[in-house]
């Protein structure tokens, strides 16, 4: 899935860890991600959290898509800092899942809280990528 994720890679994200129901991604806030207030635009924070959610809910090798997402912004992300999104599965029942993602700054302070609801659809996603046993660290490339 990472190999085809041009959006996450294009934003400079790194896939730091993925396992069934969990994922960690990080991203440096670039100059072109800063809004008129001088902080990271909320759309980029949402994208980072959404990508972590996507990898967590697809790690079971059953295709899953977002059904609903909500984000709460808690503090600004700063230009040049690395933000980390940690996704954790809360519930997985039938075709539905609920995942919480916390985006933190370099000091571990919460920048945003995200909750994603997933829905499985027909198909698999991990063929040719080593399944759930993929390496813990995958760099864009």
N, C-alpha and C. Protein backbone atom coordinates (compact mmCIF):
# COMPACT_ATOMS: atom_id res chain seq x y z
N UNK A 1 0.82 -1.18 0.00
CA UNK A 1 0.00 0.00 0.00
C UNK A 1 0.87 1.26 0.00
N UNK A 2 1.99 1.23 0.75
CA UNK A 2 2.88 2.39 0.80
C UNK A 2 3.43 2.72 -0.58
N UNK A 3 3.78 1.69 -1.34
CA UNK A 3 4.39 1.92 -2.66
C UNK A 3 3.49 2.74 -3.57
N UNK A 4 2.19 2.61 -3.45
CA UNK A 4 1.26 3.35 -4.29
C UNK A 4 0.71 4.61 -3.66
N UNK A 5 1.12 4.93 -2.45
CA UNK A 5 0.57 6.08 -1.73
C UNK A 5 1.35 7.35 -2.07
N UNK A 6 1.08 7.88 -3.23
CA UNK A 6 1.81 9.07 -3.69
C UNK A 6 1.45 10.30 -2.88
N UNK A 7 0.24 10.36 -2.36
CA UNK A 7 -0.17 11.52 -1.56
C UNK A 7 0.69 11.64 -0.30
N UNK A 8 0.77 10.56 0.47
CA UNK A 8 1.56 10.59 1.71
C UNK A 8 3.03 10.83 1.42
N UNK A 9 3.54 10.15 0.41
CA UNK A 9 4.95 10.33 0.06
C UNK A 9 5.21 11.74 -0.44
N UNK A 10 4.29 12.29 -1.22
CA UNK A 10 4.45 13.64 -1.74
C UNK A 10 4.48 14.70 -0.66
N UNK A 11 3.83 14.41 0.46
CA UNK A 11 3.84 15.34 1.60
C UNK A 11 5.05 15.12 2.50
N UNK A 12 5.92 14.19 2.11
CA UNK A 12 7.14 13.95 2.87
C UNK A 12 6.96 13.08 4.09
N UNK A 13 5.86 12.33 4.15
CA UNK A 13 5.62 11.46 5.31
C UNK A 13 6.54 10.25 5.27
N UNK A 14 6.85 9.74 6.45
CA UNK A 14 7.58 8.48 6.61
C UNK A 14 6.68 7.51 7.34
N UNK A 15 6.65 6.28 6.87
CA UNK A 15 5.91 5.21 7.54
C UNK A 15 6.88 4.57 8.51
N UNK A 16 6.74 4.88 9.79
CA UNK A 16 7.70 4.46 10.81
C UNK A 16 7.39 3.09 11.39
N UNK A 17 6.12 2.73 11.44
CA UNK A 17 5.71 1.43 11.99
C UNK A 17 4.30 1.12 11.50
N UNK A 18 4.06 -0.15 11.21
CA UNK A 18 2.70 -0.59 10.90
C UNK A 18 2.54 -2.02 11.40
N UNK A 19 1.39 -2.29 11.98
CA UNK A 19 1.02 -3.61 12.46
C UNK A 19 -0.48 -3.68 12.52
N UNK A 20 -1.03 -4.87 12.71
CA UNK A 20 -2.50 -4.98 12.76
C UNK A 20 -3.10 -4.01 13.77
N UNK A 21 -3.89 -3.07 13.26
CA UNK A 21 -4.58 -2.13 14.13
C UNK A 21 -3.75 -0.98 14.65
N UNK A 22 -2.54 -0.80 14.13
CA UNK A 22 -1.70 0.30 14.60
C UNK A 22 -0.75 0.77 13.50
N UNK A 23 -0.41 2.03 13.57
CA UNK A 23 0.56 2.59 12.63
C UNK A 23 1.11 3.89 13.20
N UNK A 24 2.35 4.19 12.81
CA UNK A 24 3.00 5.44 13.19
C UNK A 24 3.60 6.05 11.93
N UNK A 25 3.23 7.29 11.66
CA UNK A 25 3.79 8.04 10.55
C UNK A 25 4.33 9.37 11.07
N UNK A 26 5.32 9.92 10.39
CA UNK A 26 5.86 11.22 10.78
C UNK A 26 6.01 12.10 9.54
N UNK A 27 6.07 13.40 9.78
CA UNK A 27 6.16 14.37 8.69
C UNK A 27 6.77 15.66 9.22
N UNK A 28 7.73 16.19 8.48
CA UNK A 28 8.30 17.50 8.81
C UNK A 28 7.42 18.58 8.19
N UNK A 29 7.12 19.62 8.96
CA UNK A 29 6.30 20.73 8.47
C UNK A 29 7.18 21.60 7.57
N UNK A 30 6.87 21.58 6.28
CA UNK A 30 7.64 22.35 5.29
C UNK A 30 7.10 23.77 5.18
N UNK A 31 7.87 24.63 4.55
CA UNK A 31 7.45 26.02 4.34
C UNK A 31 6.13 26.11 3.59
N UNK A 32 5.92 25.21 2.61
CA UNK A 32 4.69 25.25 1.82
C UNK A 32 3.49 24.64 2.54
N UNK A 33 3.65 24.26 3.80
CA UNK A 33 2.55 23.72 4.61
C UNK A 33 2.07 24.72 5.66
N UNK A 34 2.68 25.90 5.67
CA UNK A 34 2.39 26.90 6.70
C UNK A 34 1.29 27.85 6.20
N UNK A 35 0.33 28.13 7.07
CA UNK A 35 -0.79 29.01 6.72
C UNK A 35 -0.47 30.48 7.04
N UNK A 36 -1.46 31.34 6.90
CA UNK A 36 -1.28 32.77 7.14
C UNK A 36 -0.99 33.14 8.58
N UNK A 37 -1.21 32.22 9.50
CA UNK A 37 -0.90 32.46 10.92
C UNK A 37 0.51 32.01 11.27
N UNK A 38 1.22 31.44 10.29
CA UNK A 38 2.58 30.98 10.53
C UNK A 38 2.67 29.59 11.14
N UNK A 39 1.55 28.86 11.15
CA UNK A 39 1.56 27.50 11.70
C UNK A 39 1.13 26.51 10.61
N UNK A 40 1.31 25.24 10.89
CA UNK A 40 0.94 24.20 9.93
C UNK A 40 -0.56 24.26 9.64
N UNK A 41 -0.91 24.30 8.38
CA UNK A 41 -2.31 24.32 7.96
C UNK A 41 -2.99 23.05 8.46
N UNK A 42 -4.21 23.19 8.97
CA UNK A 42 -4.95 22.05 9.51
C UNK A 42 -5.17 20.93 8.52
N UNK A 43 -5.24 21.24 7.24
CA UNK A 43 -5.41 20.20 6.23
C UNK A 43 -4.23 19.24 6.19
N UNK A 44 -3.03 19.74 6.45
CA UNK A 44 -1.85 18.87 6.47
C UNK A 44 -1.84 18.02 7.74
N UNK A 45 -2.28 18.59 8.86
CA UNK A 45 -2.39 17.80 10.09
C UNK A 45 -3.40 16.68 9.89
N UNK A 46 -4.54 17.01 9.27
CA UNK A 46 -5.57 16.01 8.99
C UNK A 46 -5.01 14.92 8.08
N UNK A 47 -4.28 15.32 7.04
CA UNK A 47 -3.72 14.35 6.10
C UNK A 47 -2.77 13.38 6.80
N UNK A 48 -1.93 13.89 7.70
CA UNK A 48 -1.00 13.02 8.44
C UNK A 48 -1.78 12.02 9.29
N UNK A 49 -2.76 12.50 10.04
CA UNK A 49 -3.57 11.61 10.88
C UNK A 49 -4.35 10.61 10.03
N UNK A 50 -4.91 11.07 8.93
CA UNK A 50 -5.70 10.20 8.05
C UNK A 50 -4.83 9.10 7.45
N UNK A 51 -3.60 9.42 7.10
CA UNK A 51 -2.70 8.40 6.56
C UNK A 51 -2.35 7.36 7.61
N UNK A 52 -2.10 7.78 8.84
CA UNK A 52 -1.83 6.81 9.91
C UNK A 52 -3.05 5.90 10.12
N UNK A 53 -4.23 6.48 10.14
CA UNK A 53 -5.48 5.73 10.24
C UNK A 53 -5.58 4.72 9.11
N UNK A 54 -5.29 5.14 7.89
CA UNK A 54 -5.39 4.25 6.73
C UNK A 54 -4.48 3.04 6.86
N UNK A 55 -3.24 3.25 7.29
CA UNK A 55 -2.32 2.12 7.41
C UNK A 55 -2.73 1.20 8.55
N UNK A 56 -3.22 1.75 9.64
CA UNK A 56 -3.65 0.91 10.77
C UNK A 56 -4.83 0.03 10.39
N UNK A 57 -5.82 0.58 9.72
CA UNK A 57 -7.01 -0.22 9.43
C UNK A 57 -6.84 -1.13 8.22
N UNK A 58 -5.83 -0.91 7.39
CA UNK A 58 -5.59 -1.79 6.25
C UNK A 58 -4.54 -2.86 6.53
N UNK A 59 -3.95 -2.88 7.71
CA UNK A 59 -2.86 -3.80 8.02
C UNK A 59 -3.30 -5.25 8.20
N UNK A 60 -4.59 -5.50 8.19
CA UNK A 60 -5.10 -6.87 8.30
C UNK A 60 -5.19 -7.56 6.94
N UNK A 61 -4.76 -6.90 5.89
CA UNK A 61 -4.83 -7.39 4.52
C UNK A 61 -6.26 -7.55 4.03
N UNK A 62 -7.13 -6.74 4.55
CA UNK A 62 -8.49 -6.62 4.02
C UNK A 62 -8.70 -5.14 3.74
N UNK A 63 -9.07 -4.83 2.51
CA UNK A 63 -9.21 -3.42 2.11
C UNK A 63 -10.21 -2.70 3.00
N UNK A 64 -9.81 -1.55 3.53
CA UNK A 64 -10.67 -0.73 4.38
C UNK A 64 -10.60 0.72 3.91
N UNK A 65 -11.73 1.39 3.98
CA UNK A 65 -11.82 2.79 3.57
C UNK A 65 -12.40 3.61 4.72
N UNK A 66 -12.17 4.91 4.66
CA UNK A 66 -12.74 5.81 5.67
C UNK A 66 -14.24 5.96 5.43
N UNK A 67 -14.97 5.86 6.52
CA UNK A 67 -16.42 6.05 6.48
C UNK A 67 -16.77 7.41 7.11
N UNK A 68 -16.00 7.80 8.11
CA UNK A 68 -16.22 9.08 8.80
C UNK A 68 -14.95 9.41 9.57
N UNK A 69 -14.59 10.67 9.58
CA UNK A 69 -13.42 11.13 10.33
C UNK A 69 -13.73 12.47 10.98
N UNK A 70 -13.14 12.68 12.15
CA UNK A 70 -13.26 13.97 12.84
C UNK A 70 -11.91 14.30 13.46
N UNK A 71 -11.58 15.58 13.47
CA UNK A 71 -10.32 16.01 14.05
C UNK A 71 -10.55 17.21 14.96
N UNK A 72 -9.78 17.24 16.04
CA UNK A 72 -9.77 18.39 16.95
C UNK A 72 -8.33 18.90 16.99
N UNK A 73 -8.15 20.17 16.64
CA UNK A 73 -6.83 20.79 16.67
C UNK A 73 -6.60 21.39 18.06
N UNK A 74 -5.46 21.04 18.67
CA UNK A 74 -5.18 21.43 20.05
C UNK A 74 -4.10 22.49 20.19
N UNK A 75 -3.11 22.45 19.33
CA UNK A 75 -2.03 23.45 19.37
C UNK A 75 -1.44 23.52 17.96
N UNK A 76 -0.77 24.60 17.65
CA UNK A 76 -0.23 24.72 16.29
C UNK A 76 0.99 23.83 16.07
N UNK A 77 1.07 23.31 14.86
CA UNK A 77 2.29 22.66 14.41
C UNK A 77 3.20 23.75 13.87
N UNK A 78 4.49 23.65 14.15
CA UNK A 78 5.41 24.73 13.79
C UNK A 78 6.26 24.37 12.57
N UNK A 79 6.56 25.40 11.81
CA UNK A 79 7.43 25.25 10.63
C UNK A 79 8.74 24.56 11.04
N UNK A 80 9.11 23.55 10.29
CA UNK A 80 10.38 22.86 10.50
C UNK A 80 10.34 21.70 11.48
N UNK A 81 9.30 21.62 12.31
CA UNK A 81 9.28 20.52 13.30
C UNK A 81 8.71 19.25 12.68
N UNK A 82 9.12 18.13 13.28
CA UNK A 82 8.61 16.83 12.85
C UNK A 82 7.41 16.48 13.73
N UNK A 83 6.29 16.19 13.06
CA UNK A 83 5.08 15.77 13.75
C UNK A 83 4.93 14.27 13.58
N UNK A 84 4.40 13.61 14.60
CA UNK A 84 4.22 12.16 14.58
C UNK A 84 2.76 11.83 14.83
N UNK A 85 2.21 10.94 14.01
CA UNK A 85 0.83 10.48 14.17
C UNK A 85 0.84 9.01 14.57
N UNK A 86 0.22 8.70 15.71
CA UNK A 86 0.13 7.33 16.21
C UNK A 86 -1.32 6.89 16.17
N UNK A 87 -1.61 5.89 15.35
CA UNK A 87 -2.97 5.37 15.21
C UNK A 87 -3.11 4.09 16.01
N UNK A 88 -4.22 3.97 16.74
CA UNK A 88 -4.50 2.79 17.56
C UNK A 88 -5.94 2.37 17.33
N UNK A 89 -6.12 1.10 17.10
CA UNK A 89 -7.47 0.56 16.93
C UNK A 89 -8.20 0.52 18.27
N UNK A 90 -9.43 0.98 18.28
CA UNK A 90 -10.27 0.92 19.48
C UNK A 90 -11.28 -0.21 19.38
N UNK A 91 -11.90 -0.36 18.22
CA UNK A 91 -12.91 -1.39 18.00
C UNK A 91 -12.81 -1.88 16.57
N UNK A 92 -12.94 -3.19 16.40
CA UNK A 92 -13.03 -3.79 15.06
C UNK A 92 -14.09 -4.87 15.16
N UNK A 93 -15.22 -4.64 14.53
CA UNK A 93 -16.36 -5.56 14.64
C UNK A 93 -17.03 -5.64 13.28
N UNK A 94 -17.14 -6.86 12.75
CA UNK A 94 -17.75 -7.02 11.43
C UNK A 94 -16.96 -6.23 10.40
N UNK A 95 -17.65 -5.40 9.65
CA UNK A 95 -17.00 -4.59 8.61
C UNK A 95 -16.59 -3.22 9.11
N UNK A 96 -16.82 -2.91 10.38
CA UNK A 96 -16.56 -1.56 10.90
C UNK A 96 -15.38 -1.54 11.88
N UNK A 97 -14.69 -0.42 11.90
CA UNK A 97 -13.61 -0.22 12.86
C UNK A 97 -13.57 1.23 13.31
N UNK A 98 -13.06 1.44 14.51
CA UNK A 98 -12.87 2.79 15.04
C UNK A 98 -11.41 2.90 15.48
N UNK A 99 -10.76 3.98 15.04
CA UNK A 99 -9.34 4.19 15.30
C UNK A 99 -9.12 5.59 15.83
N UNK A 100 -8.28 5.71 16.85
CA UNK A 100 -7.89 7.00 17.38
C UNK A 100 -6.46 7.30 16.97
N UNK A 101 -6.23 8.52 16.56
CA UNK A 101 -4.90 8.96 16.14
C UNK A 101 -4.55 10.22 16.92
N UNK A 102 -3.38 10.20 17.54
CA UNK A 102 -2.85 11.39 18.21
C UNK A 102 -1.67 11.90 17.41
N UNK A 103 -1.72 13.16 17.05
CA UNK A 103 -0.59 13.81 16.37
C UNK A 103 0.15 14.61 17.43
N UNK A 104 1.46 14.35 17.56
CA UNK A 104 2.27 15.02 18.57
C UNK A 104 3.42 15.79 17.92
N UNK A 105 3.92 16.78 18.67
CA UNK A 105 5.09 17.52 18.21
C UNK A 105 6.35 16.81 18.71
N UNK A 106 7.51 17.41 18.45
CA UNK A 106 8.78 16.79 18.81
C UNK A 106 8.95 16.59 20.31
N UNK A 107 8.21 17.37 21.11
CA UNK A 107 8.29 17.24 22.57
C UNK A 107 7.23 16.30 23.12
N UNK A 108 6.47 15.67 22.25
CA UNK A 108 5.44 14.72 22.68
C UNK A 108 4.12 15.35 23.08
N UNK A 109 3.97 16.66 22.83
CA UNK A 109 2.72 17.34 23.17
C UNK A 109 1.69 17.11 22.07
N UNK A 110 0.45 16.90 22.46
CA UNK A 110 -0.62 16.66 21.48
C UNK A 110 -0.89 17.92 20.66
N UNK A 111 -0.86 17.76 19.36
CA UNK A 111 -1.17 18.83 18.41
C UNK A 111 -2.60 18.66 17.90
N UNK A 112 -3.01 17.41 17.70
CA UNK A 112 -4.37 17.12 17.21
C UNK A 112 -4.79 15.73 17.65
N UNK A 113 -6.10 15.58 17.82
CA UNK A 113 -6.71 14.27 18.08
C UNK A 113 -7.68 13.99 16.94
N UNK A 114 -7.62 12.78 16.42
CA UNK A 114 -8.39 12.38 15.24
C UNK A 114 -9.08 11.07 15.56
N UNK A 115 -10.31 10.93 15.15
CA UNK A 115 -11.00 9.65 15.26
C UNK A 115 -11.52 9.28 13.88
N UNK A 116 -11.17 8.08 13.44
CA UNK A 116 -11.60 7.59 12.13
C UNK A 116 -12.44 6.34 12.26
N UNK A 117 -13.49 6.30 11.47
CA UNK A 117 -14.36 5.12 11.39
C UNK A 117 -14.10 4.47 10.03
N UNK A 118 -13.75 3.20 10.03
CA UNK A 118 -13.45 2.51 8.79
C UNK A 118 -14.56 1.53 8.43
N UNK A 119 -14.56 1.15 7.16
CA UNK A 119 -15.50 0.15 6.65
C UNK A 119 -14.73 -0.71 5.67
N UNK A 120 -14.77 -2.02 5.87
CA UNK A 120 -14.08 -2.90 4.93
C UNK A 120 -14.90 -3.06 3.66
N UNK A 121 -14.18 -3.23 2.56
CA UNK A 121 -14.77 -3.45 1.24
C UNK A 121 -14.04 -4.63 0.62
N UNK A 122 -14.60 -5.24 -0.42
CA UNK A 122 -13.93 -6.40 -1.01
C UNK A 122 -12.52 -6.08 -1.50
N UNK A 123 -11.63 -7.04 -1.30
CA UNK A 123 -10.27 -6.92 -1.80
C UNK A 123 -9.23 -6.95 -0.69
N UNK A 124 -7.98 -7.16 -1.12
CA UNK A 124 -6.84 -7.16 -0.21
C UNK A 124 -5.89 -6.04 -0.63
N UNK A 125 -4.95 -5.72 0.24
CA UNK A 125 -4.05 -4.60 -0.04
C UNK A 125 -2.57 -4.93 0.08
N UNK A 126 -2.21 -6.01 0.73
CA UNK A 126 -0.81 -6.24 1.07
C UNK A 126 -0.08 -7.17 0.12
N UNK A 127 -0.72 -7.67 -0.91
CA UNK A 127 -0.06 -8.59 -1.83
C UNK A 127 1.22 -7.97 -2.37
N UNK A 128 2.31 -8.70 -2.24
CA UNK A 128 3.58 -8.23 -2.75
C UNK A 128 4.31 -7.25 -1.84
N UNK A 129 3.75 -6.93 -0.68
CA UNK A 129 4.42 -6.00 0.23
C UNK A 129 4.87 -6.67 1.52
N UNK A 130 4.80 -7.98 1.58
CA UNK A 130 5.27 -8.67 2.77
C UNK A 130 4.22 -8.79 3.86
N UNK A 131 2.97 -8.45 3.58
CA UNK A 131 1.90 -8.62 4.56
C UNK A 131 2.16 -7.84 5.83
N UNK A 132 1.57 -8.30 6.93
CA UNK A 132 1.69 -7.61 8.22
C UNK A 132 3.11 -7.68 8.76
N UNK A 133 3.95 -8.55 8.18
CA UNK A 133 5.32 -8.68 8.66
C UNK A 133 6.27 -7.72 7.94
N UNK A 134 5.72 -6.69 7.30
CA UNK A 134 6.57 -5.70 6.63
C UNK A 134 7.52 -5.06 7.63
N UNK A 135 8.64 -4.53 7.16
CA UNK A 135 9.60 -3.91 8.08
C UNK A 135 8.96 -2.79 8.88
N UNK A 136 9.48 -2.58 10.08
CA UNK A 136 8.97 -1.52 10.95
C UNK A 136 9.23 -0.14 10.36
N UNK A 137 10.29 0.02 9.64
CA UNK A 137 10.65 1.35 9.12
C UNK A 137 10.68 1.29 7.60
N UNK A 138 9.87 2.11 6.97
CA UNK A 138 9.83 2.17 5.52
C UNK A 138 9.98 3.63 5.12
N UNK A 139 11.01 3.92 4.37
CA UNK A 139 11.23 5.30 3.93
C UNK A 139 10.60 5.50 2.57
N UNK A 140 10.10 6.71 2.30
CA UNK A 140 9.58 7.00 0.97
C UNK A 140 10.67 6.81 -0.07
N UNK A 141 10.29 6.39 -1.25
CA UNK A 141 11.32 6.26 -2.26
C UNK A 141 10.91 5.66 -3.49
